[in-house]
Amino acid sequence: MMKRGDVYWANLAPRSGSEQTGRCPVIILSHDAFNQIVGWKSIIVVPVSTSQQQARRGPTVVSLAAGTAGLASDCNAICHQITTLDRGKLTDRMGQLPVEMLAAVEKALLAAMDIRR
């Protein structure tokens, strides 16, 4: 069953402009109440990239070390590209982010959307 903080492979095509595209990992961010309803088709995710250019984007990017949640190499959660996908675009589950990494992603999302607590 899909959970918040899970990392899945996803097919992000078609996309446009500077959006992440192709097959890449994503982090599930939608609420577990939605994630566990099979009929609920929309899943909120953050794409993960190996791009070093993305790593320099500041407080909206979170570094994820190789081995974290099944990632094969050092990657970055691109929190300024939060998006909604159809559940059918998700394929294999890779793993689960540790609690402290999910908290870092949440902090980066707050920065990306200029939300203050």
C-alpha atoms as a PDB file:
ATOM      1  CA  MET A   1       0.000   0.000   0.000  1.00  0.00           C
ATOM      2  CA  MET A   2       1.316   3.412  -1.010  1.00  0.00           C
ATOM      3  CA  LYS A   3       2.360   5.742   1.846  1.00  0.00           C
ATOM      4  CA  ARG A   4       3.560   9.311   2.300  1.00  0.00           C
ATOM      5  CA  GLY A   5       7.364   9.287   2.095  1.00  0.00           C
ATOM      6  CA  ASP A   6       7.535   6.252  -0.198  1.00  0.00           C
ATOM      7  CA  VAL A   7       9.826   6.532  -3.210  1.00  0.00           C
ATOM      8  CA  TYR A   8       8.506   5.057  -6.471  1.00  0.00           C
ATOM      9  CA  TRP A   9       9.659   4.900 -10.048  1.00  0.00           C
ATOM     10  CA  ALA A  10       7.342   7.021 -12.187  1.00  0.00           C
ATOM     11  CA  ASN A  11       6.894   7.749 -15.864  1.00  0.00           C
ATOM     12  CA  LEU A  12       6.831  11.556 -16.086  1.00  0.00           C
ATOM     13  CA  ALA A  13       6.305  11.763 -19.845  1.00  0.00           C
ATOM     14  CA  PRO A  14       4.868  13.769 -21.428  1.00  0.00           C
ATOM     15  CA  ARG A  15       5.996  16.963 -19.706  1.00  0.00           C
ATOM     16  CA  SER A  16       7.079  20.348 -21.013  1.00  0.00           C
ATOM     17  CA  GLY A  17       9.569  23.134 -20.430  1.00  0.00           C
ATOM     18  CA  SER A  18      11.934  22.643 -17.507  1.00  0.00           C
ATOM     19  CA  GLU A  19       9.824  19.955 -15.799  1.00  0.00           C
ATOM     20  CA  GLN A  20      11.461  16.641 -14.942  1.00  0.00           C
ATOM     21  CA  THR A  21      10.640  14.141 -17.663  1.00  0.00           C
ATOM     22  CA  GLY A  22      11.098  10.471 -18.470  1.00  0.00           C
ATOM     23  CA  ARG A  23      11.345   7.637 -15.971  1.00  0.00           C
ATOM     24  CA  CYS A  24      12.602   8.864 -12.603  1.00  0.00           C
ATOM     25  CA  PRO A  25      12.032   8.378  -8.886  1.00  0.00           C
ATOM     26  CA  VAL A  26       9.390  10.445  -7.108  1.00  0.00           C
ATOM     27  CA  ILE A  27       8.552  10.937  -3.437  1.00  0.00           C
ATOM     28  CA  ILE A  28       4.906  10.463  -2.449  1.00  0.00           C
ATOM     29  CA  LEU A  29       3.660  13.501  -0.512  1.00  0.00           C
ATOM     30  CA  SER A  30      -0.110  13.197  -0.581  1.00  0.00           C
ATOM     31  CA  HIS A  31      -1.957  12.307   2.596  1.00  0.00           C
ATOM     32  CA  ASP A  32      -2.153   8.592   3.396  1.00  0.00           C
ATOM     33  CA  ALA A  33      -5.952   8.804   3.576  1.00  0.00           C
ATOM     34  CA  PHE A  34      -5.912   9.596  -0.171  1.00  0.00           C
ATOM     35  CA  ASN A  35      -3.024   7.261  -1.006  1.00  0.00           C
ATOM     36  CA  GLN A  36      -4.849   4.231   0.363  1.00  0.00           C
ATOM     37  CA  ILE A  37      -8.077   4.767  -1.590  1.00  0.00           C
ATOM     38  CA  VAL A  38      -7.607   2.753  -4.785  1.00  0.00           C
ATOM     39  CA  GLY A  39     -10.267   4.808  -6.584  1.00  0.00           C
ATOM     40  CA  TRP A  40      -8.409   8.034  -5.778  1.00  0.00           C
ATOM     41  CA  LYS A  41      -6.346   8.495  -8.943  1.00  0.00           C
ATOM     42  CA  SER A  42      -4.303  11.621  -8.131  1.00  0.00           C
ATOM     43  CA  ILE A  43      -1.056  11.354  -6.171  1.00  0.00           C
ATOM     44  CA  ILE A  44       1.015  14.373  -5.110  1.00  0.00           C
ATOM     45  CA  VAL A  45       4.748  13.838  -5.660  1.00  0.00           C
ATOM     46  CA  VAL A  46       8.137  15.534  -5.765  1.00  0.00           C
ATOM     47  CA  PRO A  47      10.493  14.394  -8.543  1.00  0.00           C
ATOM     48  CA  VAL A  48      14.001  13.191  -7.745  1.00  0.00           C
ATOM     49  CA  SER A  49      16.929  14.033 -10.032  1.00  0.00           C
ATOM     50  CA  THR A  50      20.631  13.233 -10.300  1.00  0.00           C
ATOM     51  CA  SER A  51      21.282  16.622 -11.946  1.00  0.00           C
ATOM     52  CA  GLN A  52      24.092  18.545 -10.266  1.00  0.00           C
ATOM     53  CA  GLN A  53      22.625  21.730 -11.728  1.00  0.00           C
ATOM     54  CA  GLN A  54      19.452  21.127  -9.685  1.00  0.00           C
ATOM     55  CA  ALA A  55      21.562  20.595  -6.545  1.00  0.00           C
ATOM     56  CA  ARG A  56      22.570  24.271  -6.645  1.00  0.00           C
ATOM     57  CA  ARG A  57      19.002  25.618  -6.622  1.00  0.00           C
ATOM     58  CA  GLY A  58      19.014  26.464  -2.900  1.00  0.00           C
ATOM     59  CA  PRO A  59      16.529  25.765  -0.107  1.00  0.00           C
ATOM     60  CA  THR A  60      13.941  24.113  -2.361  1.00  0.00           C
ATOM     61  CA  VAL A  61      16.238  21.157  -3.131  1.00  0.00           C
ATOM     62  CA  VAL A  62      17.052  18.343  -0.673  1.00  0.00           C
ATOM     63  CA  SER A  63      20.105  16.137  -1.158  1.00  0.00           C
ATOM     64  CA  LEU A  64      19.479  12.399  -0.863  1.00  0.00           C
ATOM     65  CA  ALA A  65      22.503  10.121  -0.488  1.00  0.00           C
ATOM     66  CA  ALA A  66      22.868   6.930  -2.505  1.00  0.00           C
ATOM     67  CA  GLY A  67      21.155   4.085  -0.669  1.00  0.00           C
ATOM     68  CA  THR A  68      18.440   6.315   0.804  1.00  0.00           C
ATOM     69  CA  ALA A  69      15.058   4.714   0.069  1.00  0.00           C
ATOM     70  CA  GLY A  70      16.650   2.436  -2.534  1.00  0.00           C
ATOM     71  CA  LEU A  71      18.243   5.217  -4.605  1.00  0.00           C
ATOM     72  CA  ALA A  72      21.220   3.898  -6.576  1.00  0.00           C
ATOM     73  CA  SER A  73      23.138   7.187  -6.628  1.00  0.00           C
ATOM     74  CA  ASP A  74      23.260  10.581  -4.944  1.00  0.00           C
ATOM     75  CA  CYS A  75      20.110  12.487  -5.923  1.00  0.00           C
ATOM     76  CA  ASN A  76      18.110  15.598  -5.156  1.00  0.00           C
ATOM     77  CA  ALA A  77      14.441  16.026  -4.299  1.00  0.00           C
ATOM     78  CA  ILE A  78      13.303  18.928  -6.486  1.00  0.00           C
ATOM     79  CA  CYS A  79      10.664  20.413  -4.190  1.00  0.00           C
ATOM     80  CA  HIS A  80       9.952  23.451  -6.391  1.00  0.00           C
ATOM     81  CA  GLN A  81       8.583  20.981  -8.985  1.00  0.00           C
ATOM     82  CA  ILE A  82       5.882  19.423  -6.781  1.00  0.00           C
ATOM     83  CA  THR A  83       3.226  17.965  -9.053  1.00  0.00           C
ATOM     84  CA  THR A  84       0.184  15.718  -9.213  1.00  0.00           C
ATOM     85  CA  LEU A  85       0.354  12.478 -11.172  1.00  0.00           C
ATOM     86  CA  ASP A  86      -2.147   9.850 -12.121  1.00  0.00           C
ATOM     87  CA  ARG A  87      -1.524   6.793  -9.939  1.00  0.00           C
ATOM     88  CA  GLY A  88      -1.076   4.746 -13.128  1.00  0.00           C
ATOM     89  CA  LYS A  89       2.225   6.560 -13.833  1.00  0.00           C
ATOM     90  CA  LEU A  90       3.800   4.993 -10.729  1.00  0.00           C
ATOM     91  CA  THR A  91       5.525   1.661 -11.211  1.00  0.00           C
ATOM     92  CA  ASP A  92       7.914   0.011  -8.732  1.00  0.00           C
ATOM     93  CA  ARG A  93       8.306   0.995  -5.084  1.00  0.00           C
ATOM     94  CA  MET A  94      11.956   1.675  -4.268  1.00  0.00           C
ATOM     95  CA  GLY A  95      11.784   2.323  -0.534  1.00  0.00           C
ATOM     96  CA  GLN A  96      10.764   4.736   2.225  1.00  0.00           C
ATOM     97  CA  LEU A  97      12.454   8.008   3.180  1.00  0.00           C
ATOM     98  CA  PRO A  98      13.710   8.139   6.763  1.00  0.00           C
ATOM     99  CA  VAL A  99      11.602  10.447   8.961  1.00  0.00           C
ATOM    100  CA  GLU A 100      14.317  13.123   9.110  1.00  0.00           C
ATOM    101  CA  MET A 101      14.625  13.196   5.302  1.00  0.00           C
ATOM    102  CA  LEU A 102      10.857  13.521   4.871  1.00  0.00           C
ATOM    103  CA  ALA A 103      10.971  16.438   7.348  1.00  0.00           C
ATOM    104  CA  ALA A 104      13.708  18.085   5.233  1.00  0.00           C
ATOM    105  CA  VAL A 105      11.539  17.662   2.102  1.00  0.00           C
ATOM    106  CA  GLU A 106       8.576  19.218   3.938  1.00  0.00           C
ATOM    107  CA  LYS A 107      10.763  22.194   4.966  1.00  0.00           C
ATOM    108  CA  ALA A 108      11.880  22.655   1.347  1.00  0.00           C
ATOM    109  CA  LEU A 109       8.235  22.562   0.208  1.00  0.00           C
ATOM    110  CA  LEU A 110       7.416  25.345   2.675  1.00  0.00           C
ATOM    111  CA  ALA A 111      10.271  27.400   1.191  1.00  0.00           C
ATOM    112  CA  ALA A 112       9.149  26.685  -2.382  1.00  0.00           C
ATOM    113  CA  MET A 113       5.603  27.850  -1.656  1.00  0.00           C
ATOM    114  CA  ASP A 114       6.609  30.632   0.786  1.00  0.00           C
ATOM    115  CA  ILE A 115       4.468  29.090   3.540  1.00  0.00           C
ATOM    116  CA  ARG A 116       5.344  30.220   7.049  1.00  0.00           C
ATOM    117  CA  ARG A 117       4.334  28.316  10.132  1.00  0.00           C
END
